[in-house]
């Protein structure tokens, strides 16, 4: 290689944030705030507004980025998009990326790679990959990324169940793709919004019951979701500050927010594990779990709004049985799952037809009888399996079960 070749490579990258912005703008025009968020998540670093602003200015001066305007409801929105010059530069950067990926692959054993990264963002197989309704398009191919917990799997252009759920709860951690997906689901299943909110209230009541009445001091919350009011550790540690909680999710945005926001009491312990419900042994054997929970003592296993993303051919009953089989006598399990039990037949047809398009992932509605199979060998806590809005409700009168479409139950492990 000649020195001039090195100079040319240096001129292609010039500034790492310029190259990062080009990759982030490859497929979509972005608003300023979304570009900054994507750059931060893609790089794993928190970028200042100044860094993003200077990056955009440099790309404008180089003729690689332009502004486009479109209407978003009642207002005009400005977005940044690549020009032909920007795409030409990106094509050259792609060559460098491919060479780098090949070098990394040669430098590590095959088992240390994960197929399916897109734009340097590794594909995810989430504990909540939207469930046998195919409510998600996956983008195959691309470079390989190391599987060491650092691979960034964040993509704001594909709806994600945790962000969509956050939207239904009235949170702020969601993007246009999540909101659009949520709106499409709401059209065919209006009960989903109230169902999400009543599901959250159910979780709060369950944790309070387990901590205050059942005396549970250890909690394993799988499929945590994004932080929202009354998180598991907040409710449990308000009753006993020594309570210990392990949160499990495999979405990088969820874990980043959890580590930043879900801080427990000094007397208790709170840990976060990047893992999938489909890998119970990995969860139970994880050193962070073993360092936080004592599995020889009772543990409350929370599977809140997560099992409906596990379809039949993934052995959902076996997964739950493997988890329960490792818990000490006196442990508890709480499960919720969306249901069609209260839907009229014509709505069931509409929902299933919409689901068959595969636009929003996959979901497995379960009847009360099917949900009951998860609790085989345990002792159900009254009132048994019911609408999540009805379970030991201590608030205003519950909404009709048809307006919630979500079942739940709690049981003790003998």
Protein backbone atom coordinates (compact mmCIF):
# COMPACT_ATOMS: atom_id res chain seq x y z
CA UNK A 1 0.00 0.00 0.00
CA UNK A 2 1.27 3.47 -0.89
CA UNK A 3 1.19 6.46 1.47
CA UNK A 4 -1.20 8.11 -0.99
CA UNK A 5 -3.59 5.21 -0.45
CA UNK A 6 -3.54 5.85 3.30
CA UNK A 7 -4.22 9.51 2.65
CA UNK A 8 -7.22 8.57 0.52
CA UNK A 9 -8.60 6.28 3.25
CA UNK A 10 -8.15 9.05 5.79
CA UNK A 11 -10.02 11.46 3.52
CA UNK A 12 -12.93 9.02 3.26
CA UNK A 13 -13.44 8.81 7.00
CA UNK A 14 -12.12 12.27 7.88
CA UNK A 15 -14.15 12.37 11.07
CA UNK A 16 -15.65 9.30 12.70
CA UNK A 17 -18.91 11.14 13.47
CA UNK A 18 -19.27 12.19 9.83
CA UNK A 19 -19.02 8.55 8.78
CA UNK A 20 -21.41 7.51 11.56
CA UNK A 21 -24.01 10.02 10.40
CA UNK A 22 -23.74 8.79 6.81
CA UNK A 23 -24.42 5.21 7.89
CA UNK A 24 -27.38 6.32 10.01
CA UNK A 25 -28.88 8.23 7.07
CA UNK A 26 -28.38 5.44 4.54
CA UNK A 27 -31.97 4.19 4.40
CA UNK A 28 -34.01 6.98 5.92
CA UNK A 29 -34.12 10.75 6.24
CA UNK A 30 -33.97 11.74 9.91
CA UNK A 31 -34.93 14.65 12.09
CA UNK A 32 -32.09 16.25 14.05
CA UNK A 33 -33.08 14.61 17.34
CA UNK A 34 -33.50 11.17 15.76
CA UNK A 35 -30.15 11.46 13.99
CA UNK A 36 -28.46 12.28 17.29
CA UNK A 37 -30.18 9.38 19.03
CA UNK A 38 -29.27 6.95 16.27
CA UNK A 39 -25.63 8.08 16.27
CA UNK A 40 -25.44 7.71 20.05
CA UNK A 41 -27.00 4.27 20.09
CA UNK A 42 -25.00 3.08 17.08
CA UNK A 43 -21.70 4.18 18.61
CA UNK A 44 -22.53 3.32 22.20
CA UNK A 45 -21.51 6.83 23.25
CA UNK A 46 -23.56 9.73 24.51
CA UNK A 47 -23.15 12.55 21.99
CA UNK A 48 -23.55 16.21 22.85
CA UNK A 49 -25.73 18.50 20.75
CA UNK A 50 -22.56 20.32 19.75
CA UNK A 51 -21.06 17.16 18.25
CA UNK A 52 -24.21 16.42 16.26
CA UNK A 53 -24.53 20.04 15.10
CA UNK A 54 -20.90 20.24 13.95
CA UNK A 55 -21.24 16.90 12.17
CA UNK A 56 -24.30 18.08 10.24
CA UNK A 57 -22.56 21.35 9.33
CA UNK A 58 -19.51 19.53 7.96
CA UNK A 59 -21.66 17.20 5.87
CA UNK A 60 -23.65 20.14 4.51
CA UNK A 61 -20.47 21.97 3.54
CA UNK A 62 -19.21 18.84 1.80
CA UNK A 63 -22.47 18.54 -0.13
CA UNK A 64 -23.21 15.09 1.32
CA UNK A 65 -26.41 15.98 3.18
CA UNK A 66 -29.44 18.05 2.29
CA UNK A 67 -32.62 19.13 4.05
CA UNK A 68 -36.01 17.84 2.98
CA UNK A 69 -39.32 19.04 4.36
CA UNK A 70 -42.59 17.20 4.70
CA UNK A 71 -45.82 17.56 6.61
CA UNK A 72 -46.27 15.64 9.83
CA UNK A 73 -49.86 16.38 10.73
CA UNK A 74 -50.34 20.10 11.23
CA UNK A 75 -46.68 21.10 11.03
CA UNK A 76 -43.77 20.99 8.64
CA UNK A 77 -40.90 18.74 9.66
CA UNK A 78 -37.32 19.10 8.45
CA UNK A 79 -35.25 15.99 7.95
CA UNK A 80 -31.69 15.35 6.83
CA UNK A 81 -31.11 13.11 3.82
CA UNK A 82 -28.10 11.91 1.84
CA UNK A 83 -27.26 13.54 -1.47
CA UNK A 84 -25.74 11.63 -4.39
CA UNK A 85 -22.31 12.70 -3.15
CA UNK A 86 -23.16 11.37 0.30
CA UNK A 87 -24.22 8.03 -1.13
CA UNK A 88 -21.05 7.83 -3.20
CA UNK A 89 -18.96 8.41 -0.08
CA UNK A 90 -20.99 5.83 1.80
CA UNK A 91 -20.38 3.24 -0.91
CA UNK A 92 -16.63 3.67 -0.44
CA UNK A 93 -17.00 3.43 3.32
CA UNK A 94 -18.87 0.17 2.79
CA UNK A 95 -15.76 -1.27 1.15
CA UNK A 96 -13.72 -0.32 4.20
CA UNK A 97 -16.39 -1.81 6.46
CA UNK A 98 -16.32 -5.12 4.59
CA UNK A 99 -12.54 -5.29 4.87
CA UNK A 100 -12.74 -4.54 8.59
CA UNK A 101 -15.42 -7.17 9.14
CA UNK A 102 -13.33 -9.77 7.32
CA UNK A 103 -10.30 -8.92 9.45
CA UNK A 104 -12.33 -9.21 12.66
CA UNK A 105 -13.78 -12.54 11.58
CA UNK A 106 -10.30 -13.93 10.86
CA UNK A 107 -9.07 -12.70 14.24
CA UNK A 108 -11.63 -14.56 16.37
CA UNK A 109 -13.18 -18.03 16.52
CA UNK A 110 -16.36 -18.64 14.53
CA UNK A 111 -18.53 -19.04 17.64
CA UNK A 112 -17.81 -15.42 18.58
CA UNK A 113 -19.84 -14.00 15.70
CA UNK A 114 -23.52 -13.41 15.16
CA UNK A 115 -24.97 -13.43 11.66
CA UNK A 116 -27.41 -10.79 10.57
CA UNK A 117 -26.02 -7.41 11.56
CA UNK A 118 -27.47 -4.51 9.62
CA UNK A 119 -25.40 -1.31 9.18
CA UNK A 120 -23.18 -2.51 12.02
CA UNK A 121 -26.21 -3.01 14.26
CA UNK A 122 -26.59 -6.67 15.24
CA UNK A 123 -29.95 -8.29 14.73
CA UNK A 124 -31.83 -9.20 17.85
CA UNK A 125 -33.85 -12.23 18.83
CA UNK A 126 -35.86 -10.65 21.60
CA UNK A 127 -37.67 -12.10 24.53
CA UNK A 128 -40.54 -10.13 23.13
CA UNK A 129 -40.34 -10.52 19.35
CA UNK A 130 -44.02 -9.59 19.00
CA UNK A 131 -46.08 -13.09 19.02
CA UNK A 132 -49.35 -17.27 16.43
CA UNK A 133 -49.94 -14.02 14.94
CA UNK A 134 -47.18 -12.78 12.79
CA UNK A 135 -47.86 -9.07 13.89
CA UNK A 136 -41.83 -8.03 11.52
CA UNK A 137 -39.66 -7.96 8.83
CA UNK A 138 -36.07 -8.91 9.52
CA UNK A 139 -33.29 -7.59 7.33
CA UNK A 140 -30.88 -10.46 6.68
CA UNK A 141 -27.28 -10.21 5.67
CA UNK A 142 -24.59 -7.67 6.37
CA UNK A 143 -21.41 -7.70 8.38
CA UNK A 144 -20.77 -9.75 11.49
CA UNK A 145 -20.51 -8.33 14.98
CA UNK A 146 -18.91 -9.77 18.11
CA UNK A 147 -21.26 -11.43 20.56
CA UNK A 148 -19.79 -9.94 23.74
CA UNK A 149 -22.66 -7.82 24.96
CA UNK A 150 -21.34 -4.76 23.16
CA UNK A 151 -22.96 -5.38 19.79
CA UNK A 152 -25.52 -2.66 19.28
CA UNK A 153 -28.88 -4.03 18.21
CA UNK A 154 -30.77 -0.77 18.26
CA UNK A 155 -32.81 0.19 15.19
CA UNK A 156 -35.37 2.98 15.34
CA UNK A 157 -36.84 2.06 11.96
CA UNK A 158 -38.28 -1.29 13.04
CA UNK A 159 -41.03 -1.33 15.63
CA UNK A 160 -40.05 -2.97 18.87
CA UNK A 161 -42.52 -4.46 21.40
CA UNK A 162 -40.89 -2.79 24.41
CA UNK A 163 -41.01 0.67 22.81
CA UNK A 164 -44.54 0.09 21.55
CA UNK A 165 -45.63 -1.00 25.04
CA UNK A 166 -43.97 2.12 26.43
CA UNK A 167 -46.02 4.20 24.00
CA UNK A 168 -49.26 2.59 25.15
CA UNK A 169 -48.29 3.30 28.76
CA UNK A 170 -47.83 6.98 27.90
CA UNK A 171 -44.03 6.90 28.03
CA UNK A 172 -41.53 8.76 25.85
CA UNK A 173 -39.12 6.00 24.75
CA UNK A 174 -40.53 5.29 21.30
CA UNK A 175 -40.04 6.32 17.67
CA UNK A 176 -42.28 6.86 14.62
CA UNK A 177 -42.03 3.21 13.58
CA UNK A 178 -43.23 2.12 17.01
CA UNK A 179 -46.10 4.62 17.01
CA UNK A 180 -47.19 3.62 13.51
CA UNK A 181 -47.14 -0.05 14.44
CA UNK A 182 -49.10 0.71 17.62
CA UNK A 183 -51.73 2.64 15.67
CA UNK A 184 -52.19 -0.20 13.17
CA UNK A 185 -52.68 -2.71 15.98
CA UNK A 186 -55.10 -0.41 17.78
CA UNK A 187 -57.31 -0.23 14.67
CA UNK A 188 -58.07 -3.95 14.81
CA UNK A 189 -57.69 -4.43 18.57
CA UNK A 190 -58.70 -1.26 20.42
CA UNK A 191 -58.46 -3.04 23.78
CA UNK A 192 -54.68 -3.23 23.49
CA UNK A 193 -54.14 0.21 25.07
CA UNK A 194 -56.24 -0.44 28.16
CA UNK A 195 -54.85 -3.96 28.25
CA UNK A 196 -51.29 -2.62 28.48
CA UNK A 197 -52.20 -0.21 31.25
CA UNK A 198 -54.23 -2.72 33.25
CA UNK A 199 -51.39 -5.21 32.81
CA UNK A 200 -49.05 -2.70 34.44
CA UNK A 201 -51.45 -2.18 37.34
CA UNK A 202 -51.70 -5.96 37.73
CA UNK A 203 -47.92 -6.17 38.01
CA UNK A 204 -47.88 -3.51 40.72
CA UNK A 205 -50.58 -5.31 42.74
CA UNK A 206 -48.84 -8.66 42.34
CA UNK A 207 -45.45 -7.40 43.53
CA UNK A 208 -47.10 -5.65 46.46
CA UNK A 209 -48.93 -8.86 47.40
CA UNK A 210 -45.80 -10.98 47.08
CA UNK A 211 -43.68 -8.62 49.15
CA UNK A 212 -46.23 -7.59 51.79
CA UNK A 213 -48.34 -10.72 52.21
CA UNK A 214 -46.30 -13.64 50.88
CA UNK A 215 -43.02 -12.40 52.37
CA UNK A 216 -41.05 -12.72 49.13
CA UNK A 217 -37.77 -10.80 49.09
CA UNK A 218 -36.31 -12.02 45.77
CA UNK A 219 -37.74 -11.25 42.34
CA UNK A 220 -36.77 -12.45 38.85
CA UNK A 221 -38.45 -10.19 36.28
CA UNK A 222 -38.04 -11.64 32.76
CA UNK A 223 -39.02 -9.46 29.81
CA UNK A 224 -38.60 -6.33 31.87
CA UNK A 225 -39.51 -3.74 29.27
CA UNK A 226 -38.63 -0.07 29.49
CA UNK A 227 -38.74 1.64 32.89
CA UNK A 228 -42.14 3.01 33.88
CA UNK A 229 -43.69 4.14 37.17
CA UNK A 230 -43.83 1.46 39.88
CA UNK A 231 -41.08 -0.80 38.58
CA UNK A 232 -40.65 -4.12 40.38
CA UNK A 233 -37.79 -2.98 42.62
CA UNK A 234 -39.58 0.23 43.55
CA UNK A 235 -42.69 -1.58 44.78
CA UNK A 236 -40.79 -4.40 46.50
CA UNK A 237 -38.15 -2.25 48.16
CA UNK A 238 -40.76 0.22 49.38
CA UNK A 239 -42.07 -2.67 51.49
CA UNK A 240 -38.68 -4.13 52.40
CA UNK A 241 -35.53 -2.22 51.34
CA UNK A 242 -33.50 -5.44 51.48
CA UNK A 243 -35.44 -6.96 48.55
CA UNK A 244 -33.32 -8.23 45.67
CA UNK A 245 -34.37 -7.97 42.04
CA UNK A 246 -32.91 -9.30 38.80
CA UNK A 247 -34.21 -7.78 35.57
CA UNK A 248 -33.84 -9.78 32.35
CA UNK A 249 -34.26 -8.49 28.81
CA UNK A 250 -32.29 -8.72 25.59
CA UNK A 251 -33.10 -5.37 24.02
CA UNK A 252 -30.15 -2.93 24.29
CA UNK A 253 -32.39 0.10 24.77
CA UNK A 254 -34.21 -1.61 27.63
CA UNK A 255 -30.96 -2.62 29.33
CA UNK A 256 -29.36 0.80 28.87
CA UNK A 257 -32.39 2.50 30.42
CA UNK A 258 -32.60 -0.09 33.18
CA UNK A 259 -29.00 0.35 34.23
CA UNK A 260 -29.39 4.12 34.21
CA UNK A 261 -32.79 4.41 35.88
CA UNK A 262 -33.60 1.25 37.84
CA UNK A 263 -31.35 1.91 40.81
CA UNK A 264 -32.41 0.17 43.99
CA UNK A 265 -31.86 0.80 47.69
CA UNK A 266 -28.44 0.53 49.30
CA UNK A 267 -29.78 -2.26 51.52
CA UNK A 268 -31.04 -4.35 48.61
CA UNK A 269 -29.58 -5.50 45.32
CA UNK A 270 -30.62 -4.89 41.71
CA UNK A 271 -29.01 -6.59 38.71
CA UNK A 272 -29.61 -6.60 34.95
CA UNK A 273 -29.03 -9.51 32.59
CA UNK A 274 -28.91 -9.48 28.79
CA UNK A 275 -30.66 -12.77 28.06
CA UNK A 276 -33.69 -14.33 26.39
CA UNK A 277 -36.63 -16.19 27.92
CA UNK A 278 -35.93 -18.94 25.39
CA UNK A 279 -32.65 -19.67 27.25
CA UNK A 280 -33.72 -20.43 30.84
CA UNK A 281 -30.47 -22.17 31.78
CA UNK A 282 -28.46 -19.14 30.65
CA UNK A 283 -30.63 -16.91 32.83
CA UNK A 284 -30.51 -19.14 35.90
CA UNK A 285 -26.79 -19.78 35.57
CA UNK A 286 -25.79 -16.18 34.90
CA UNK A 287 -23.19 -14.97 37.43
CA UNK A 288 -25.08 -11.71 38.00
CA UNK A 289 -28.20 -13.66 38.94
CA UNK A 290 -26.22 -16.04 41.14
CA UNK A 291 -24.58 -13.06 42.82
CA UNK A 292 -27.93 -11.40 43.52
CA UNK A 293 -30.48 -14.14 44.19
CA UNK A 294 -30.24 -17.22 46.39
CA UNK A 295 -32.11 -19.92 44.47
CA UNK A 296 -32.23 -22.07 47.59
CA UNK A 297 -34.68 -19.50 48.99
CA UNK A 298 -38.10 -18.52 47.57
CA UNK A 299 -38.09 -16.35 44.45
CA UNK A 300 -40.96 -14.65 42.64
CA UNK A 301 -40.76 -15.31 38.90
CA UNK A 302 -42.51 -12.56 36.91
CA UNK A 303 -43.45 -13.33 33.30
CA UNK A 304 -45.54 -10.25 32.62
CA UNK A 305 -46.70 -9.71 29.04
CA UNK A 306 -43.85 -11.78 27.61
CA UNK A 307 -45.10 -15.34 27.04
CA UNK A 308 -47.46 -14.26 24.27
CA UNK A 309 -44.33 -13.62 22.21
CA UNK A 310 -43.34 -17.28 22.55
CA UNK A 311 -45.19 -19.39 19.99
CA UNK A 312 -46.05 -23.07 20.27
CA UNK A 313 -43.09 -24.46 18.34
CA UNK A 314 -40.74 -22.71 20.79
CA UNK A 315 -42.02 -24.92 23.63
CA UNK A 316 -43.41 -22.21 25.93
CA UNK A 317 -44.69 -24.69 28.51
CA UNK A 318 -41.33 -26.42 28.62
CA UNK A 319 -39.51 -23.11 29.08
CA UNK A 320 -41.66 -22.16 32.05
CA UNK A 321 -41.35 -25.64 33.56
CA UNK A 322 -37.56 -25.45 33.33
CA UNK A 323 -37.59 -22.14 35.19
CA UNK A 324 -40.02 -23.30 37.86
CA UNK A 325 -38.10 -26.54 38.33
CA UNK A 326 -35.10 -24.60 39.63
CA UNK A 327 -37.04 -22.51 42.15
CA UNK A 328 -37.22 -23.36 45.84
CA UNK A 329 -40.49 -24.46 47.47
CA UNK A 330 -42.47 -21.42 48.54
CA UNK A 331 -41.57 -19.51 45.38
CA UNK A 332 -44.24 -17.82 43.29
CA UNK A 333 -44.87 -17.28 39.58
CA UNK A 334 -46.98 -14.55 37.97
CA UNK A 335 -47.96 -14.73 34.29
CA UNK A 336 -50.02 -12.58 31.94
CA UNK A 337 -50.95 -13.26 28.31
CA UNK A 338 -53.19 -11.55 25.76
CA UNK A 339 -56.40 -13.43 25.02
CA UNK A 340 -59.26 -13.61 22.55
CA UNK A 341 -61.60 -15.17 25.13
CA UNK A 342 -63.69 -12.01 25.39
CA UNK A 343 -63.67 -10.98 21.73
CA UNK A 344 -66.72 -11.50 19.52
CA UNK A 345 -66.13 -13.98 16.70
CA UNK A 346 -66.09 -11.27 14.03
CA UNK A 347 -63.34 -9.36 15.82
CA UNK A 348 -61.28 -12.52 16.21
CA UNK A 349 -61.42 -12.94 12.42
CA UNK A 350 -60.33 -9.32 11.85
CA UNK A 351 -57.48 -9.57 14.35
CA UNK A 352 -56.21 -12.85 12.92
CA UNK A 353 -56.40 -11.52 9.36
CA UNK A 354 -54.34 -8.47 10.32
CA UNK A 355 -51.88 -10.65 12.19
CA UNK A 356 -51.35 -12.94 9.23
CA UNK A 357 -49.67 -10.09 7.32
CA UNK A 358 -46.62 -10.37 9.57
CA UNK A 359 -46.18 -6.61 9.82
CA UNK A 360 -45.86 -6.45 13.59
CA UNK A 361 -44.14 -9.67 14.63
CA UNK A 362 -45.86 -12.71 16.08
CA UNK A 363 -48.18 -13.09 19.05
CA UNK A 364 -49.83 -16.14 20.58
CA UNK A 365 -53.21 -15.40 22.11
CA UNK A 366 -54.07 -17.92 24.84
CA UNK A 367 -57.34 -18.94 26.42
CA UNK A 368 -57.82 -19.26 30.17
CA UNK A 369 -57.41 -23.02 29.83
CA UNK A 370 -54.18 -22.64 27.86
CA UNK A 371 -52.82 -20.13 30.36
CA UNK A 372 -53.72 -22.53 33.14
CA UNK A 373 -51.35 -25.14 31.74
CA UNK A 374 -48.39 -22.93 32.71
CA UNK A 375 -49.47 -23.27 36.35
CA UNK A 376 -49.69 -27.07 36.44
CA UNK A 377 -48.18 -28.41 39.65
CA UNK A 378 -48.58 -25.09 41.49
CA UNK A 379 -51.24 -23.66 43.79
CA UNK A 380 -53.14 -20.75 42.26
CA UNK A 381 -53.67 -17.71 44.46
CA UNK A 382 -57.31 -16.52 44.56
CA UNK A 383 -59.08 -15.45 42.41
CA UNK A 384 -57.14 -17.74 40.05
CA UNK A 385 -56.88 -16.99 36.34
CA UNK A 386 -58.91 -13.95 35.37
CA UNK A 387 -58.75 -10.64 33.55
CA UNK A 388 -55.69 -8.76 34.78
CA UNK A 389 -58.02 -5.91 35.70
CA UNK A 390 -59.91 -8.16 38.14
CA UNK A 391 -57.02 -9.78 40.03
CA UNK A 392 -57.17 -8.64 43.68
CA UNK A 393 -58.21 -5.20 42.51
CA UNK A 394 -58.07 -2.53 45.21
CA UNK A 395 -58.95 0.44 43.04
CA UNK A 396 -62.03 1.71 41.22
CA UNK A 397 -64.36 -0.84 39.59
CA UNK A 398 -62.52 -2.80 36.88
CA UNK A 399 -63.16 -2.24 33.19
CA UNK A 400 -64.97 -5.04 31.33
CA UNK A 401 -62.74 -7.98 30.44
CA UNK A 402 -63.50 -7.37 26.74
CA UNK A 403 -61.91 -3.91 27.04
CA UNK A 404 -58.69 -5.43 28.39
CA UNK A 405 -58.22 -8.75 26.54
CA UNK A 406 -55.45 -9.89 28.85
CA UNK A 407 -55.48 -12.75 31.36
CA UNK A 408 -53.28 -13.19 34.39
CA UNK A 409 -52.66 -15.42 37.36
CA UNK A 410 -50.35 -15.93 40.33
CA UNK A 411 -49.40 -19.26 41.90
CA UNK A 412 -47.26 -20.67 44.70
CA UNK A 413 -44.68 -23.37 44.02
CA UNK A 414 -45.24 -26.16 46.57
